[in-house]
Amino acid sequence: MPSTLLFPAAEVLPTGAQRAPYLKELVDWADELAAISVEQALTAFFGQPLDPRTLRLTGLHHVAAYLGDYRAEEEFEAWLEAVRESPGVSRVSTGPSHIAPRVHGTPGHWINLHTERGTEVEFFTCRSYGRWAELEPERKCSLMSHLGLSVDTPDQVGRLLDYLAGFDAIELLAYAPEDELGHTYGHLLRTDTERVLELVHAGRPAPGETP
């Protein structure tokens, strides 16, 4: 497991020849972080041990990292194309961020992929705009990067979010009963550290995947 749970994101999306080594560094970091246990992830976020079995958490679903800001859509499109062409990743999909405009006042994108070692990774990037552009890069990284933990049933996601949001300094950031990937998920924000944790039930398998 790497020494930090947050990837040190660039201030803006790398361009040109910088993209490939940056992507490799990200993928290597995510593969290392994927060795974290659910117990370790919970302790890192809540600052105290919690029992995954009692919470009905079944494992690590994904690792999420912030890529840096983009200043125009063309910058994001070029980065997305570089990810799709990378020989070390597969099953690349993308979509608009729901949290970025609602919570941070700026548009954004997510990119979902799988590494050669099987780690599911989510990348996030937001447009350098408005109050978001004024934040320090480290704070942007903290607010958008996270670990996603698997929950055993979709209905348990909402119940668990409500329960954990009752802890001191924890608040519900977002909840989606079912997204375009069939996932039911929600995000918790720890207000004193500005760290984020996602709880997700994967839902229906994608075409060609084994349930």
C-alpha atoms as a PDB file:
ATOM      1  CA  MET A   1       0.000   0.000   0.000  1.00  0.00           C
ATOM      2  CA  PRO A   2       1.408   3.452  -0.881  1.00  0.00           C
ATOM      3  CA  SER A   3       2.378   5.836   1.893  1.00  0.00           C
ATOM      4  CA  THR A   4      -0.417   8.262   0.963  1.00  0.00           C
ATOM      5  CA  LEU A   5      -4.100   7.638   0.229  1.00  0.00           C
ATOM      6  CA  LEU A   6      -4.179  10.718  -2.004  1.00  0.00           C
ATOM      7  CA  PHE A   7      -2.390  10.851  -5.331  1.00  0.00           C
ATOM      8  CA  PRO A   8      -0.418  14.148  -5.613  1.00  0.00           C
ATOM      9  CA  ALA A   9      -2.380  15.520  -8.553  1.00  0.00           C
ATOM     10  CA  ALA A  10      -1.004  18.037 -11.024  1.00  0.00           C
ATOM     11  CA  GLU A  11      -2.497  21.515 -10.857  1.00  0.00           C
ATOM     12  CA  VAL A  12      -3.741  21.148 -14.445  1.00  0.00           C
ATOM     13  CA  LEU A  13      -4.075  18.126 -16.732  1.00  0.00           C
ATOM     14  CA  PRO A  14      -0.722  17.105 -18.211  1.00  0.00           C
ATOM     15  CA  THR A  15      -0.421  17.630 -21.943  1.00  0.00           C
ATOM     16  CA  GLY A  16       1.498  16.087 -24.823  1.00  0.00           C
ATOM     17  CA  ALA A  17       4.311  13.714 -23.913  1.00  0.00           C
ATOM     18  CA  GLN A  18       3.619  14.243 -20.207  1.00  0.00           C
ATOM     19  CA  ARG A  19       0.365  12.262 -20.327  1.00  0.00           C
ATOM     20  CA  ALA A  20       1.775   8.722 -20.672  1.00  0.00           C
ATOM     21  CA  PRO A  21       4.205   8.792 -17.711  1.00  0.00           C
ATOM     22  CA  TYR A  22       1.621  10.574 -15.567  1.00  0.00           C
ATOM     23  CA  LEU A  23      -0.971   7.919 -16.377  1.00  0.00           C
ATOM     24  CA  LYS A  24       1.493   5.120 -15.584  1.00  0.00           C
ATOM     25  CA  GLU A  25       2.287   6.738 -12.243  1.00  0.00           C
ATOM     26  CA  LEU A  26      -1.435   6.977 -11.481  1.00  0.00           C
ATOM     27  CA  VAL A  27      -2.115   3.355 -12.413  1.00  0.00           C
ATOM     28  CA  ASP A  28       0.840   2.053 -10.400  1.00  0.00           C
ATOM     29  CA  TRP A  29      -0.310   4.090  -7.386  1.00  0.00           C
ATOM     30  CA  ALA A  30      -3.874   2.783  -7.695  1.00  0.00           C
ATOM     31  CA  ASP A  31      -2.706  -0.841  -7.957  1.00  0.00           C
ATOM     32  CA  GLU A  32      -0.660  -0.425  -4.788  1.00  0.00           C
ATOM     33  CA  LEU A  33      -3.504   1.258  -2.915  1.00  0.00           C
ATOM     34  CA  ALA A  34      -5.893  -1.542  -3.927  1.00  0.00           C
ATOM     35  CA  ALA A  35      -4.130  -3.755  -1.344  1.00  0.00           C
ATOM     36  CA  ILE A  36      -5.736  -1.722   1.455  1.00  0.00           C
ATOM     37  CA  SER A  37      -8.210  -3.640   3.613  1.00  0.00           C
ATOM     38  CA  VAL A  38     -11.715  -2.405   4.324  1.00  0.00           C
ATOM     39  CA  GLU A  39     -10.764  -2.126   7.992  1.00  0.00           C
ATOM     40  CA  GLN A  40      -7.817   0.122   7.114  1.00  0.00           C
ATOM     41  CA  ALA A  41      -9.961   2.251   4.819  1.00  0.00           C
ATOM     42  CA  LEU A  42     -12.594   2.765   7.511  1.00  0.00           C
ATOM     43  CA  THR A  43     -10.026   3.659  10.157  1.00  0.00           C
ATOM     44  CA  ALA A  44      -8.289   6.106   7.826  1.00  0.00           C
ATOM     45  CA  PHE A  45     -11.558   7.918   7.129  1.00  0.00           C
ATOM     46  CA  PHE A  46     -13.345   7.791  10.490  1.00  0.00           C
ATOM     47  CA  GLY A  47     -10.294   7.884  12.744  1.00  0.00           C
ATOM     48  CA  GLN A  48     -11.558   4.839  14.639  1.00  0.00           C
ATOM     49  CA  PRO A  49     -11.991   1.136  13.869  1.00  0.00           C
ATOM     50  CA  LEU A  50     -15.371  -0.053  12.581  1.00  0.00           C
ATOM     51  CA  ASP A  51     -16.486  -3.608  11.835  1.00  0.00           C
ATOM     52  CA  PRO A  52     -17.060  -4.134   8.078  1.00  0.00           C
ATOM     53  CA  ARG A  53     -19.227  -7.195   8.727  1.00  0.00           C
ATOM     54  CA  THR A  54     -21.623  -5.243  10.926  1.00  0.00           C
ATOM     55  CA  LEU A  55     -21.836  -2.527   8.269  1.00  0.00           C
ATOM     56  CA  ARG A  56     -22.231  -5.189   5.533  1.00  0.00           C
ATOM     57  CA  LEU A  57     -19.219  -4.016   3.565  1.00  0.00           C
ATOM     58  CA  THR A  58     -17.759  -6.710   1.339  1.00  0.00           C
ATOM     59  CA  GLY A  59     -14.516  -5.244  -0.048  1.00  0.00           C
ATOM     60  CA  LEU A  60     -12.868  -2.472  -2.001  1.00  0.00           C
ATOM     61  CA  HIS A  61     -14.864  -1.484  -5.084  1.00  0.00           C
ATOM     62  CA  HIS A  62     -12.582   1.142  -6.607  1.00  0.00           C
ATOM     63  CA  VAL A  63      -9.803   3.644  -6.090  1.00  0.00           C
ATOM     64  CA  ALA A  64     -10.487   7.245  -7.162  1.00  0.00           C
ATOM     65  CA  ALA A  65      -7.903   9.913  -7.903  1.00  0.00           C
ATOM     66  CA  TYR A  66      -8.064  13.540  -8.959  1.00  0.00           C
ATOM     67  CA  LEU A  67      -6.184  14.269 -12.194  1.00  0.00           C
ATOM     68  CA  GLY A  68      -5.939  18.055 -12.029  1.00  0.00           C
ATOM     69  CA  ASP A  69      -8.047  20.826 -13.564  1.00  0.00           C
ATOM     70  CA  TYR A  70      -8.855  21.360 -17.224  1.00  0.00           C
ATOM     71  CA  ARG A  71      -9.258  24.841 -18.697  1.00  0.00           C
ATOM     72  CA  ALA A  72     -11.207  23.905 -21.847  1.00  0.00           C
ATOM     73  CA  GLU A  73     -13.146  20.828 -22.970  1.00  0.00           C
ATOM     74  CA  GLU A  74     -10.493  20.151 -25.609  1.00  0.00           C
ATOM     75  CA  GLU A  75      -7.955  19.492 -22.862  1.00  0.00           C
ATOM     76  CA  PHE A  76     -10.196  16.866 -21.298  1.00  0.00           C
ATOM     77  CA  GLU A  77     -10.959  15.238 -24.667  1.00  0.00           C
ATOM     78  CA  ALA A  78      -7.239  14.946 -25.444  1.00  0.00           C
ATOM     79  CA  TRP A  79      -6.582  13.356 -22.046  1.00  0.00           C
ATOM     80  CA  LEU A  80      -9.498  10.930 -22.492  1.00  0.00           C
ATOM     81  CA  GLU A  81      -8.136   9.854 -25.875  1.00  0.00           C
ATOM     82  CA  ALA A  82      -4.719   9.222 -24.309  1.00  0.00           C
ATOM     83  CA  VAL A  83      -6.328   7.024 -21.647  1.00  0.00           C
ATOM     84  CA  ARG A  84      -8.271   5.044 -24.249  1.00  0.00           C
ATOM     85  CA  GLU A  85      -5.106   4.463 -26.272  1.00  0.00           C
ATOM     86  CA  SER A  86      -3.031   3.345 -23.281  1.00  0.00           C
ATOM     87  CA  PRO A  87      -2.094  -0.358 -23.512  1.00  0.00           C
ATOM     88  CA  GLY A  88      -2.208  -0.759 -19.727  1.00  0.00           C
ATOM     89  CA  VAL A  89      -5.914  -0.057 -19.169  1.00  0.00           C
ATOM     90  CA  SER A  90      -9.214  -1.499 -20.367  1.00  0.00           C
ATOM     91  CA  ARG A  91     -12.998  -1.007 -20.181  1.00  0.00           C
ATOM     92  CA  VAL A  92     -12.733   2.765 -20.303  1.00  0.00           C
ATOM     93  CA  SER A  93     -15.958   4.718 -19.819  1.00  0.00           C
ATOM     94  CA  THR A  94     -16.678   8.347 -19.008  1.00  0.00           C
ATOM     95  CA  GLY A  95     -19.433  10.751 -18.040  1.00  0.00           C
ATOM     96  CA  PRO A  96     -20.169  14.094 -16.397  1.00  0.00           C
ATOM     97  CA  SER A  97     -19.495  14.575 -12.704  1.00  0.00           C
ATOM     98  CA  HIS A  98     -22.685  15.030 -10.684  1.00  0.00           C
ATOM     99  CA  ILE A  99     -20.947  16.273  -7.553  1.00  0.00           C
ATOM    100  CA  ALA A 100     -18.691  18.913  -9.132  1.00  0.00           C
ATOM    101  CA  PRO A 101     -21.427  21.295 -10.386  1.00  0.00           C
ATOM    102  CA  ARG A 102     -23.767  20.750  -7.442  1.00  0.00           C
ATOM    103  CA  VAL A 103     -21.217  20.948  -4.636  1.00  0.00           C
ATOM    104  CA  HIS A 104     -18.239  22.823  -6.088  1.00  0.00           C
ATOM    105  CA  GLY A 105     -19.895  25.096  -8.658  1.00  0.00           C
ATOM    106  CA  THR A 106     -17.975  23.896 -11.690  1.00  0.00           C
ATOM    107  CA  PRO A 107     -18.439  21.222 -14.377  1.00  0.00           C
ATOM    108  CA  GLY A 108     -16.346  18.077 -14.311  1.00  0.00           C
ATOM    109  CA  HIS A 109     -15.855  14.591 -15.754  1.00  0.00           C
ATOM    110  CA  TRP A 110     -15.156  11.090 -14.495  1.00  0.00           C
ATOM    111  CA  ILE A 111     -13.243   8.330 -16.279  1.00  0.00           C
ATOM    112  CA  ASN A 112     -13.691   4.729 -15.153  1.00  0.00           C
ATOM    113  CA  LEU A 113     -11.219   2.013 -16.162  1.00  0.00           C
ATOM    114  CA  HIS A 114      -9.592  -1.255 -15.108  1.00  0.00           C
ATOM    115  CA  THR A 115      -5.863  -1.829 -14.815  1.00  0.00           C
ATOM    116  CA  GLU A 116      -4.021  -4.938 -16.005  1.00  0.00           C
ATOM    117  CA  ARG A 117      -4.025  -6.163 -12.397  1.00  0.00           C
ATOM    118  CA  GLY A 118      -7.808  -5.829 -12.238  1.00  0.00           C
ATOM    119  CA  THR A 119      -8.042  -2.689 -10.111  1.00  0.00           C
ATOM    120  CA  GLU A 120     -11.099  -0.566 -10.872  1.00  0.00           C
ATOM    121  CA  VAL A 121     -10.044   3.072 -10.981  1.00  0.00           C
ATOM    122  CA  GLU A 122     -11.977   6.319 -11.282  1.00  0.00           C
ATOM    123  CA  PHE A 123     -10.305   9.525 -12.396  1.00  0.00           C
ATOM    124  CA  PHE A 124     -11.885  12.919 -11.826  1.00  0.00           C
ATOM    125  CA  THR A 125     -11.158  16.305 -13.313  1.00  0.00           C
ATOM    126  CA  CYS A 126     -12.966  19.634 -12.886  1.00  0.00           C
ATOM    127  CA  ARG A 127     -12.897  22.768 -14.965  1.00  0.00           C
ATOM    128  CA  SER A 128     -10.775  25.551 -13.506  1.00  0.00           C
ATOM    129  CA  TYR A 129     -13.705  27.886 -12.930  1.00  0.00           C
ATOM    130  CA  GLY A 130     -15.333  30.005 -10.236  1.00  0.00           C
ATOM    131  CA  ARG A 131     -14.660  29.290  -6.580  1.00  0.00           C
ATOM    132  CA  TRP A 132     -13.176  25.885  -7.468  1.00  0.00           C
ATOM    133  CA  ALA A 133     -10.312  27.582  -9.331  1.00  0.00           C
ATOM    134  CA  GLU A 134      -9.377  29.465  -6.159  1.00  0.00           C
ATOM    135  CA  LEU A 135      -8.830  26.337  -4.043  1.00  0.00           C
ATOM    136  CA  GLU A 136      -5.353  24.988  -3.347  1.00  0.00           C
ATOM    137  CA  PRO A 137      -4.440  21.881  -5.431  1.00  0.00           C
ATOM    138  CA  GLU A 138      -4.085  19.757  -2.278  1.00  0.00           C
ATOM    139  CA  ARG A 139      -7.619  20.648  -1.207  1.00  0.00           C
ATOM    140  CA  LYS A 140      -9.036  19.814  -4.640  1.00  0.00           C
ATOM    141  CA  CYS A 141      -7.316  16.439  -4.462  1.00  0.00           C
ATOM    142  CA  SER A 142      -8.754  15.743  -1.012  1.00  0.00           C
ATOM    143  CA  LEU A 143     -12.304  16.703  -2.000  1.00  0.00           C
ATOM    144  CA  MET A 144     -12.423  14.618  -5.202  1.00  0.00           C
ATOM    145  CA  SER A 145     -10.199  11.602  -4.444  1.00  0.00           C
ATOM    146  CA  HIS A 146     -11.557   8.703  -2.387  1.00  0.00           C
ATOM    147  CA  LEU A 147     -11.884   4.990  -1.836  1.00  0.00           C
ATOM    148  CA  GLY A 148     -15.090   3.227  -2.854  1.00  0.00           C
ATOM    149  CA  LEU A 149     -16.239   0.379  -0.584  1.00  0.00           C
ATOM    150  CA  SER A 150     -18.657  -2.309  -1.742  1.00  0.00           C
ATOM    151  CA  VAL A 151     -21.979  -2.738   0.068  1.00  0.00           C
ATOM    152  CA  ASP A 152     -23.807  -6.073  -0.124  1.00  0.00           C
ATOM    153  CA  THR A 153     -27.250  -4.814  -1.288  1.00  0.00           C
ATOM    154  CA  PRO A 154     -28.528  -1.593  -2.891  1.00  0.00           C
ATOM    155  CA  ASP A 155     -30.994  -0.820  -0.099  1.00  0.00           C
ATOM    156  CA  GLN A 156     -28.204  -1.108   2.479  1.00  0.00           C
ATOM    157  CA  VAL A 157     -26.345   1.767   0.805  1.00  0.00           C
ATOM    158  CA  GLY A 158     -28.947   4.340   1.802  1.00  0.00           C
ATOM    159  CA  ARG A 159     -29.352   2.937   5.310  1.00  0.00           C
ATOM    160  CA  LEU A 160     -25.604   2.893   5.851  1.00  0.00           C
ATOM    161  CA  LEU A 161     -25.160   6.440   4.577  1.00  0.00           C
ATOM    162  CA  ASP A 162     -27.849   7.686   6.984  1.00  0.00           C
ATOM    163  CA  TYR A 163     -26.245   5.848   9.883  1.00  0.00           C
ATOM    164  CA  LEU A 164     -22.675   6.994   9.226  1.00  0.00           C
ATOM    165  CA  ALA A 165     -23.746  10.582   8.512  1.00  0.00           C
ATOM    166  CA  GLY A 166     -24.782  10.697  12.171  1.00  0.00           C
ATOM    167  CA  PHE A 167     -21.152  10.434  13.296  1.00  0.00           C
ATOM    168  CA  ASP A 168     -19.388  13.591  14.476  1.00  0.00           C
ATOM    169  CA  ALA A 169     -17.928  15.678  11.606  1.00  0.00           C
ATOM    170  CA  ILE A 170     -19.474  13.368   8.966  1.00  0.00           C
ATOM    171  CA  GLU A 171     -22.088  14.579   6.486  1.00  0.00           C
ATOM    172  CA  LEU A 172     -23.830  13.150   3.448  1.00  0.00           C
ATOM    173  CA  LEU A 173     -22.392  14.642   0.278  1.00  0.00           C
ATOM    174  CA  ALA A 174     -24.431  12.791  -2.374  1.00  0.00           C
ATOM    175  CA  TYR A 175     -26.693   9.783  -2.866  1.00  0.00           C
ATOM    176  CA  ALA A 176     -27.754   8.168  -6.160  1.00  0.00           C
ATOM    177  CA  PRO A 177     -30.091   5.139  -6.049  1.00  0.00           C
ATOM    178  CA  GLU A 178     -28.959   3.992  -9.524  1.00  0.00           C
ATOM    179  CA  ASP A 179     -26.641   5.687 -11.993  1.00  0.00           C
ATOM    180  CA  GLU A 180     -25.971   5.054 -15.691  1.00  0.00           C
ATOM    181  CA  LEU A 181     -23.724   2.107 -14.776  1.00  0.00           C
ATOM    182  CA  GLY A 182     -26.418   0.522 -12.611  1.00  0.00           C
ATOM    183  CA  HIS A 183     -24.589   1.449  -9.404  1.00  0.00           C
ATOM    184  CA  THR A 184     -26.292   2.583  -6.230  1.00  0.00           C
ATOM    185  CA  TYR A 185     -23.847   4.796  -4.384  1.00  0.00           C
ATOM    186  CA  GLY A 186     -23.311   7.692  -2.030  1.00  0.00           C
ATOM    187  CA  HIS A 187     -20.470   9.874  -0.768  1.00  0.00           C
ATOM    188  CA  LEU A 188     -19.668  10.908   2.775  1.00  0.00           C
ATOM    189  CA  LEU A 189     -17.591  13.987   3.619  1.00  0.00           C
ATOM    190  CA  ARG A 190     -15.550  14.267   6.789  1.00  0.00           C
ATOM    191  CA  THR A 191     -15.734  17.994   7.416  1.00  0.00           C
ATOM    192  CA  ASP A 192     -12.693  18.346   9.672  1.00  0.00           C
ATOM    193  CA  THR A 193     -10.310  16.683   7.198  1.00  0.00           C
ATOM    194  CA  GLU A 194     -12.227  17.280   3.930  1.00  0.00           C
ATOM    195  CA  ARG A 195     -11.755  13.637   3.010  1.00  0.00           C
ATOM    196  CA  VAL A 196     -14.387  11.670   1.087  1.00  0.00           C
ATOM    197  CA  LEU A 197     -15.539   8.042   1.273  1.00  0.00           C
ATOM    198  CA  GLU A 198     -17.862   6.345  -1.217  1.00  0.00           C
ATOM    199  CA  LEU A 199     -20.188   3.417  -0.512  1.00  0.00           C
ATOM    200  CA  VAL A 200     -21.399   1.548  -3.572  1.00  0.00           C
ATOM    201  CA  HIS A 201     -23.407  -1.474  -4.669  1.00  0.00           C
ATOM    202  CA  ALA A 202     -22.264  -2.442  -8.151  1.00  0.00           C
ATOM    203  CA  GLY A 203     -25.694  -3.423  -9.477  1.00  0.00           C
ATOM    204  CA  ARG A 204     -26.123  -5.161 -12.785  1.00  0.00           C
ATOM    205  CA  PRO A 205     -22.993  -6.391 -14.603  1.00  0.00           C
ATOM    206  CA  ALA A 206     -21.929  -4.709 -17.796  1.00  0.00           C
ATOM    207  CA  PRO A 207     -22.488  -6.625 -21.075  1.00  0.00           C
ATOM    208  CA  GLY A 208     -19.988  -9.458 -21.307  1.00  0.00           C
ATOM    209  CA  GLU A 209     -19.108  -9.367 -17.603  1.00  0.00           C
ATOM    210  CA  THR A 210     -19.614 -12.257 -15.209  1.00  0.00           C
ATOM    211  CA  PRO A 211     -22.135 -11.425 -12.460  1.00  0.00           C
END
